[in-house]
Protein backbone atom coordinates (compact mmCIF):
# COMPACT_ATOMS: atom_id res chain seq x y z
CA MET A 1 102.69 136.58 146.39
CA MET A 2 99.07 136.43 145.35
CA GLY A 3 99.81 139.04 142.70
CA LYS A 4 102.57 136.92 141.14
CA GLN A 5 100.34 133.84 141.22
CA LEU A 6 97.54 135.78 139.53
CA VAL A 7 99.88 136.99 136.77
CA LEU A 8 101.21 133.46 136.26
CA LEU A 9 97.67 132.10 136.06
CA LEU A 10 96.72 134.82 133.58
CA PHE A 11 99.65 134.01 131.29
CA THR A 12 98.80 130.30 131.56
CA VAL A 13 95.19 130.94 130.53
CA ILE A 14 96.34 133.16 127.64
CA GLY A 15 98.79 130.47 126.51
CA ILE A 16 96.10 127.77 126.58
CA ALA A 17 93.70 129.99 124.63
CA ALA A 18 96.35 130.67 121.99
CA ALA A 19 97.12 126.97 121.66
CA HIS A 20 93.44 126.21 121.09
CA ALA A 21 92.72 129.04 118.65
CA GLN A 22 94.97 128.34 115.69
CA VAL A 23 92.84 130.50 113.37
CA PRO A 24 93.80 134.07 114.35
CA GLU A 25 91.12 135.82 116.38
CA ASN A 26 91.08 138.74 113.93
CA SER A 27 90.46 136.46 110.92
CA GLN A 28 86.83 136.72 109.85
CA GLN A 29 87.03 134.61 106.68
CA LEU A 30 88.17 131.00 106.42
CA LEU A 31 88.69 128.75 103.39
CA VAL A 32 88.87 125.04 104.26
CA THR A 33 90.02 122.28 101.89
CA ILE A 34 89.27 118.71 102.97
CA THR A 35 90.59 115.54 101.33
CA ASN A 36 89.83 111.89 102.04
CA SER A 37 93.46 111.01 102.89
CA TRP A 38 97.04 112.31 102.88
CA ASP A 39 97.49 110.81 99.39
CA ALA A 40 94.30 112.15 97.77
CA ASP A 41 94.83 114.64 94.93
CA THR A 42 91.25 115.99 94.95
CA GLY A 43 89.03 117.41 97.66
CA GLU A 44 86.36 119.97 98.50
CA LEU A 45 86.77 123.60 99.51
CA TYR A 46 84.40 125.26 102.00
CA ALA A 47 84.07 128.95 102.85
CA PHE A 48 83.07 130.35 106.25
CA SER A 49 82.50 133.77 107.81
CA ARG A 50 83.01 134.31 111.54
CA THR A 51 79.92 135.51 113.43
CA GLU A 52 79.20 136.15 117.11
CA SER A 53 77.83 132.61 117.34
CA GLY A 54 80.69 130.96 115.44
CA TRP A 55 81.59 130.08 111.85
CA ARG A 56 78.82 130.32 109.24
CA PRO A 57 79.07 128.62 105.80
CA VAL A 58 78.72 131.10 102.95
CA LEU A 59 79.33 129.09 99.75
CA GLU A 60 78.42 125.67 98.44
CA PRO A 61 81.36 123.20 98.61
CA ILE A 62 83.71 123.64 95.66
CA PRO A 63 85.55 120.70 94.03
CA VAL A 64 89.31 121.27 93.95
CA ASN A 65 92.47 119.57 92.73
CA LEU A 66 95.49 119.22 95.02
CA GLY A 67 99.11 118.12 94.63
CA ARG A 68 99.68 115.00 92.53
CA THR A 69 100.96 113.15 95.62
CA GLY A 70 98.43 114.59 98.06
CA LEU A 71 99.03 116.68 101.18
CA ALA A 72 101.91 117.13 103.65
CA TRP A 73 102.31 119.40 106.66
CA GLY A 74 103.64 122.79 105.58
CA ILE A 75 104.91 125.81 107.50
CA GLY A 76 102.21 128.27 108.49
CA LEU A 77 100.21 129.44 111.51
CA HIS A 78 99.84 125.99 113.07
CA PRO A 79 102.39 124.82 115.67
CA GLU A 80 105.14 122.41 114.62
CA SER A 81 104.25 120.29 117.66
CA ILE A 82 101.04 119.15 115.95
CA VAL A 83 103.02 117.25 113.28
CA GLY A 84 103.26 113.53 114.06
CA LYS A 85 106.49 111.60 113.56
CA GLU A 86 104.89 109.52 110.81
CA ASP A 87 103.10 112.42 109.13
CA PRO A 88 104.34 113.63 105.73
CA GLN A 89 106.10 117.00 105.70
CA LYS A 90 106.22 119.33 102.72
CA ARG A 91 109.49 119.47 100.74
CA GLU A 92 110.45 121.20 97.50
CA GLY A 93 109.47 119.16 94.45
CA ASP A 94 107.52 116.47 96.33
CA GLY A 95 104.29 117.15 94.45
CA LYS A 96 102.39 117.70 97.70
CA ALA A 97 100.16 120.60 98.66
CA PRO A 98 100.85 121.99 102.13
CA ALA A 99 98.53 120.98 104.97
CA GLY A 100 97.91 123.31 107.90
CA ILE A 101 96.69 126.88 108.39
CA PHE A 102 98.05 129.75 106.30
CA ARG A 103 97.36 133.42 105.75
CA LEU A 104 96.05 134.43 102.34
CA GLY A 105 97.86 137.18 100.50
CA ASP A 106 97.03 139.22 97.42
CA ALA A 107 95.25 137.95 94.37
CA PHE A 108 97.22 137.82 91.11
CA GLY A 109 96.60 137.08 87.47
CA TYR A 110 96.78 137.98 83.81
CA PRO A 111 94.12 140.77 83.62
CA ASN A 112 94.86 144.32 84.67
CA ALA A 113 92.23 143.95 87.41
CA VAL A 114 89.81 141.39 88.85
CA ASN A 115 86.71 141.70 91.02
CA THR A 116 88.05 141.04 94.53
CA GLY A 117 88.35 142.59 97.96
CA LEU A 118 91.95 141.41 98.16
CA GLY A 119 94.92 143.36 96.94
CA TYR A 120 95.71 142.49 93.32
CA GLN A 121 98.99 142.07 91.47
CA PRO A 122 98.83 141.80 87.65
CA MET A 123 101.52 139.50 86.29
CA THR A 124 103.71 140.09 83.25
CA ALA A 125 106.03 137.87 81.21
CA SER A 126 108.92 138.92 83.44
CA HIS A 127 107.33 137.80 86.72
CA TYR A 128 108.64 134.56 88.25
CA CYS A 129 108.16 132.74 91.54
CA ILE A 130 111.55 131.36 92.51
CA ASP A 131 111.51 127.62 93.30
CA VAL A 132 115.29 127.14 93.37
CA PRO A 133 116.22 126.42 97.03
CA ALA A 134 119.74 127.85 96.70
CA SER A 135 118.47 131.19 95.47
CA PRO A 136 118.38 134.13 97.90
CA LEU A 137 114.97 134.89 96.35
CA TYR A 138 113.57 131.41 97.10
CA ASN A 139 109.77 131.33 97.54
CA GLN A 140 109.41 134.94 96.40
CA THR A 141 107.62 136.33 93.35
CA VAL A 142 109.88 138.77 91.53
CA ASP A 143 110.07 140.81 88.34
CA ALA A 144 113.11 139.90 86.24
CA GLU A 145 113.12 143.45 84.91
CA LEU A 146 113.96 144.57 88.46
CA VAL A 147 116.10 141.73 89.87
CA GLY A 148 117.84 140.80 86.62
CA LYS A 149 117.40 137.81 84.30
CA GLN A 150 120.27 135.97 85.99
CA ALA A 151 118.29 135.90 89.25
CA VAL A 152 115.40 133.91 87.72
CA GLN A 153 117.45 131.37 85.78
CA GLY A 154 116.44 127.80 86.56
CA SER A 155 113.04 128.74 87.96
CA SER A 156 110.11 126.77 86.50
CA GLU A 157 107.48 129.18 87.80
CA GLY A 158 106.91 131.80 85.16
CA MET A 159 103.80 133.59 86.44
CA ARG A 160 102.42 134.25 82.95
CA ARG A 161 101.82 130.61 82.15
CA ASP A 162 99.89 131.57 79.03
CA ILE A 163 103.08 133.05 77.61
CA HIS A 164 105.64 130.58 78.99
CA TYR A 165 103.71 127.29 78.99
CA GLY A 166 100.55 127.88 76.98
CA ASP A 167 97.91 127.44 79.70
CA GLN A 168 95.50 129.56 81.74
CA GLN A 169 96.14 128.14 85.23
CA TYR A 170 97.54 131.38 86.64
CA LYS A 171 95.02 133.62 84.89
CA LYS A 172 93.49 134.18 88.33
CA GLY A 173 94.97 133.12 91.64
CA ILE A 174 95.72 133.90 95.27
CA PHE A 175 99.07 133.83 97.06
CA VAL A 176 99.14 131.41 100.03
CA ALA A 177 101.61 132.37 102.78
CA HIS A 178 103.27 128.97 103.09
CA ASN A 179 106.85 128.94 104.37
CA PRO A 180 106.79 132.70 105.11
CA ALA A 181 110.41 132.68 106.31
CA ASN A 182 111.45 131.16 102.93
CA VAL A 183 113.26 128.19 104.49
CA PRO A 184 115.28 126.62 101.64
CA GLY A 185 113.81 123.34 100.44
CA ALA A 186 110.67 123.53 102.61
CA GLY A 187 108.40 124.23 99.64
CA SER A 188 107.73 127.28 97.50
CA CYS A 189 105.26 129.08 95.28
CA ILE A 190 102.00 127.86 96.80
CA PHE A 191 98.84 129.35 95.32
CA VAL A 192 95.13 128.87 94.89
CA HIS A 193 94.65 129.05 91.12
CA LEU A 194 92.59 127.81 88.17
CA TRP A 195 92.65 124.14 87.32
CA LYS A 196 93.66 122.63 84.01
CA ALA A 197 90.65 120.33 84.20
CA ALA A 198 88.57 118.61 86.86
CA GLY A 199 90.65 115.84 88.44
CA SER A 200 93.94 117.11 86.98
CA ALA A 201 96.38 117.22 89.91
CA THR A 202 98.71 120.16 90.55
CA ALA A 203 102.38 120.38 91.46
CA GLY A 204 101.42 121.39 95.01
CA CYS A 205 98.71 124.06 94.85
CA THR A 206 94.92 124.12 95.22
CA ALA A 207 93.07 124.54 91.92
CA MET A 208 89.44 125.06 90.93
CA GLY A 209 87.26 126.08 87.99
CA GLU A 210 87.15 129.72 86.89
CA PRO A 211 83.48 130.41 87.84
CA GLU A 212 84.20 129.15 91.36
CA MET A 213 87.40 131.19 91.53
CA ASP A 214 85.48 134.31 90.53
CA THR A 215 83.02 133.68 93.38
CA VAL A 216 85.81 133.15 95.93
CA LEU A 217 87.74 136.23 94.77
CA LYS A 218 84.65 138.42 94.98
CA TRP A 219 83.88 137.17 98.51
CA LEU A 220 87.35 137.53 100.01
CA GLN A 221 88.19 140.83 101.70
CA ALA A 222 91.70 141.81 102.78
CA ASP A 223 90.44 143.68 105.84
CA GLN A 224 88.82 140.44 107.08
CA GLN A 225 92.28 138.84 107.45
CA PRO A 226 91.34 135.67 105.50
CA VAL A 227 93.13 132.38 106.13
CA TYR A 228 93.35 129.05 104.33
CA LEU A 229 93.28 125.60 105.93
CA ALA A 230 93.91 122.24 104.27
CA LEU A 231 93.74 118.83 106.00
CA PRO A 232 92.70 115.25 105.40
CA ARG A 233 89.25 114.62 106.88
CA GLN A 234 90.52 112.42 109.73
CA GLN A 235 93.02 115.04 110.91
CA TYR A 236 90.41 117.80 110.61
CA ARG A 237 88.01 115.93 112.87
CA ALA A 238 90.77 115.24 115.39
CA LEU A 239 91.66 118.96 115.58
CA GLN A 240 88.19 120.44 115.13
CA SER A 241 87.43 121.01 118.81
CA GLN A 242 90.96 122.02 119.82
CA TRP A 243 91.29 124.54 116.99
CA ARG A 244 87.64 125.69 117.21
CA LEU A 245 87.04 124.82 113.57
CA PRO A 246 83.62 124.89 111.89
CA ALA A 247 81.51 121.80 111.34
CA LEU A 248 81.52 120.75 107.71
């Protein structure tokens, strides 16, 4: 009987620890974006490395632009139970950047290579991120040369924006693993990328200047399992102890 009780206690302790450690234990790098409110379209990005004594800041705060209508809870590593009934939730086309904790994927961009410890995917004119909820390729970046031009019809996310839309915003960027199960309508094509200009809101991504992006790309290492967190300041403070987040 004591054995069963001990096992039950052990699983309870493990469950509590998991609930309190929303940043994966194997993640050694953390990017944190903080805004002043759910509706703010600008904020600051902080970078931290995990040490034996906790999180250590490694970069000066970076000004960033967010979605034109602010932040809303997305789908990532954080539990759905944390989302309040009155809190905004990310939906396709709402102009909001996703709030929560998310894994960072490969870097991408226009050059053949960039200076980063992440994996890198060079984009061509035929690369699209599919933002059409009814598509079986929703929330996936694809090459029209491979999937067919019919498959990318209606998508507004040509990944070579310099060719399709005449701007440099996707010249350098990072894939954010929001909505990893590709739930239709829950939001798609979330990146960290270059901004159009300081204070110019995005459609739902996090954007910064190119010098700052170069610094972030150089610092990030795929083998450090980096993650990205975005929250309004009030929500960050409320979750800081529970999620074992760094002091800002």
